[in-house]
Protein backbone atom coordinates (compact mmCIF):
# COMPACT_ATOMS: atom_id res chain seq x y z
CA UNK A 1 81.54 107.56 97.82
CA UNK A 2 82.20 105.32 100.80
CA UNK A 3 85.59 103.75 101.42
CA UNK A 4 85.90 100.10 102.30
CA UNK A 5 87.27 99.12 105.70
CA UNK A 6 90.66 98.21 104.21
CA UNK A 7 91.08 101.65 102.64
CA UNK A 8 90.01 103.35 105.85
CA UNK A 9 92.48 101.30 107.87
CA UNK A 10 95.34 102.05 105.46
CA UNK A 11 94.60 105.79 105.69
CA UNK A 12 94.36 105.56 109.47
CA UNK A 13 97.66 103.69 109.80
CA UNK A 14 99.34 106.28 107.57
CA UNK A 15 97.90 109.17 109.58
CA UNK A 16 98.93 107.64 112.90
CA UNK A 17 102.43 106.94 111.61
CA UNK A 18 102.68 110.57 110.52
CA UNK A 19 101.41 111.92 113.88
CA UNK A 20 103.81 109.70 115.83
CA UNK A 21 106.75 110.22 113.48
CA UNK A 22 107.07 106.49 112.89
CA UNK A 23 108.48 104.95 109.75
CA UNK A 24 107.31 101.61 108.39
CA UNK A 25 110.35 99.90 109.92
CA UNK A 26 109.53 101.36 113.37
CA UNK A 27 105.94 100.17 113.17
CA UNK A 28 106.97 96.76 111.87
CA UNK A 29 109.34 96.21 114.79
CA UNK A 30 106.71 97.36 117.28
CA UNK A 31 104.00 94.97 116.07
CA UNK A 32 106.15 91.99 115.07
CA UNK A 33 106.16 92.32 111.29
CA UNK A 34 108.79 93.20 108.70
CA UNK A 35 109.01 96.54 106.91
CA UNK A 36 108.16 94.71 103.67
CA UNK A 37 104.96 93.34 105.23
CA UNK A 38 103.95 96.82 106.39
CA UNK A 39 104.66 98.19 102.90
CA UNK A 40 102.50 95.51 101.24
CA UNK A 41 99.66 96.07 103.68
CA UNK A 42 99.81 99.86 103.28
CA UNK A 43 99.85 99.61 99.48
CA UNK A 44 96.82 97.30 99.49
CA UNK A 45 98.69 94.32 98.02
CA UNK A 46 97.95 92.39 101.24
CA UNK A 47 95.11 93.02 103.69
CA UNK A 48 95.56 93.91 107.33
CA UNK A 49 94.33 91.00 109.50
CA UNK A 50 92.21 91.19 112.63
CA UNK A 51 95.30 90.15 114.62
CA UNK A 52 97.16 93.07 112.99
CA UNK A 53 94.35 95.41 114.09
CA UNK A 54 94.69 94.16 117.66
CA UNK A 55 98.45 94.81 117.61
CA UNK A 56 98.09 98.22 115.92
CA UNK A 57 95.49 99.37 118.43
CA UNK A 58 97.58 98.17 121.38
CA UNK A 59 100.67 99.86 119.93
CA UNK A 60 98.93 103.23 119.67
CA UNK A 61 96.96 102.78 122.93
CA UNK A 62 93.54 103.09 121.27
CA UNK A 63 90.74 100.57 120.84
CA UNK A 64 90.21 98.53 117.68
CA UNK A 65 86.83 100.23 117.01
CA UNK A 66 88.56 103.62 117.29
CA UNK A 67 91.29 102.43 114.93
CA UNK A 68 88.64 101.43 112.39
CA UNK A 69 86.68 104.69 112.73
CA UNK A 70 88.97 106.61 110.39
CA UNK A 71 92.13 108.68 110.51
CA UNK A 72 90.73 111.86 112.04
CA UNK A 73 88.96 110.01 114.85
CA UNK A 74 91.93 107.76 115.64
CA UNK A 75 94.47 110.60 115.50
CA UNK A 76 92.39 112.63 117.94
CA UNK A 77 92.64 109.79 120.47
CA UNK A 78 96.42 109.36 120.39
CA UNK A 79 97.91 109.96 123.83
CA UNK A 80 100.09 113.08 123.89
CA UNK A 81 103.14 111.01 124.87
CA UNK A 82 102.84 109.12 121.55
CA UNK A 83 103.07 112.23 119.37
CA UNK A 84 106.30 113.03 117.57
CA UNK A 85 108.14 116.15 118.78
CA UNK A 86 106.75 119.20 117.03
CA UNK A 87 103.42 117.52 116.25
CA UNK A 88 101.58 119.44 118.98
CA UNK A 89 98.95 117.87 121.12
CA UNK A 90 96.43 115.28 120.06
CA UNK A 91 93.72 116.54 117.76
CA UNK A 92 90.64 117.51 119.70
CA UNK A 93 87.92 120.09 119.59
CA UNK A 94 88.47 122.90 122.08
CA UNK A 95 85.76 123.00 124.72
CA UNK A 96 86.60 126.22 126.56
CA UNK A 97 86.22 128.77 123.76
CA UNK A 98 83.50 131.42 123.86
CA UNK A 99 80.88 131.26 121.09
CA UNK A 100 81.69 133.14 117.92
CA UNK A 101 79.49 136.04 116.84
CA UNK A 102 76.52 134.60 115.02
CA UNK A 103 76.58 131.32 116.99
CA UNK A 104 73.73 132.47 119.22
CA UNK A 105 70.48 130.49 118.95
CA UNK A 106 68.12 131.89 116.34
CA UNK A 107 64.42 132.32 117.04
CA UNK A 108 61.98 130.90 114.52
CA UNK A 109 60.82 133.56 112.06
CA UNK A 110 57.47 135.19 112.69
CA UNK A 111 54.65 133.77 110.57
CA UNK A 112 53.97 135.62 107.36
CA UNK A 113 50.50 136.90 106.49
CA UNK A 114 48.63 134.08 104.78
CA UNK A 115 50.58 131.30 106.52
CA UNK A 116 48.12 128.65 107.63
CA UNK A 117 49.17 125.66 109.71
CA UNK A 118 46.22 123.66 108.40
CA UNK A 119 47.51 123.56 104.82
CA UNK A 120 49.05 120.15 104.04
CA UNK A 121 52.79 120.20 103.37
CA UNK A 122 52.35 118.41 100.07
CA UNK A 123 49.35 118.78 97.80
CA UNK A 124 48.57 116.59 94.84
CA UNK A 125 47.89 118.27 91.53
CA UNK A 126 45.57 115.43 90.42
């Protein structure tokens, strides 16, 4: 099941607030809204506007497309200086780890007796 953009944005805003340690009141002050407006937008009673998306993205120092790409993607892009104390570093995949056993490339299996490349992949029974 696919979420609509509004649901994705609400989840993303919630995730970013959690990662940065912000409360609704903090976010509201930062983007020029009231805590009540943030609450209504986060509950789905009122939709986030495009202008809100611009302000949210600027506040968290990410792009609007990244903001709309979902909570995991957006949280991975948060600058480390925006994370709440004790939240670690931004989420990202490690790039300097050695491969795990079993991650080596696998050769194609040897053909079995009777395998014939000329046989069509799908044969009709009619």
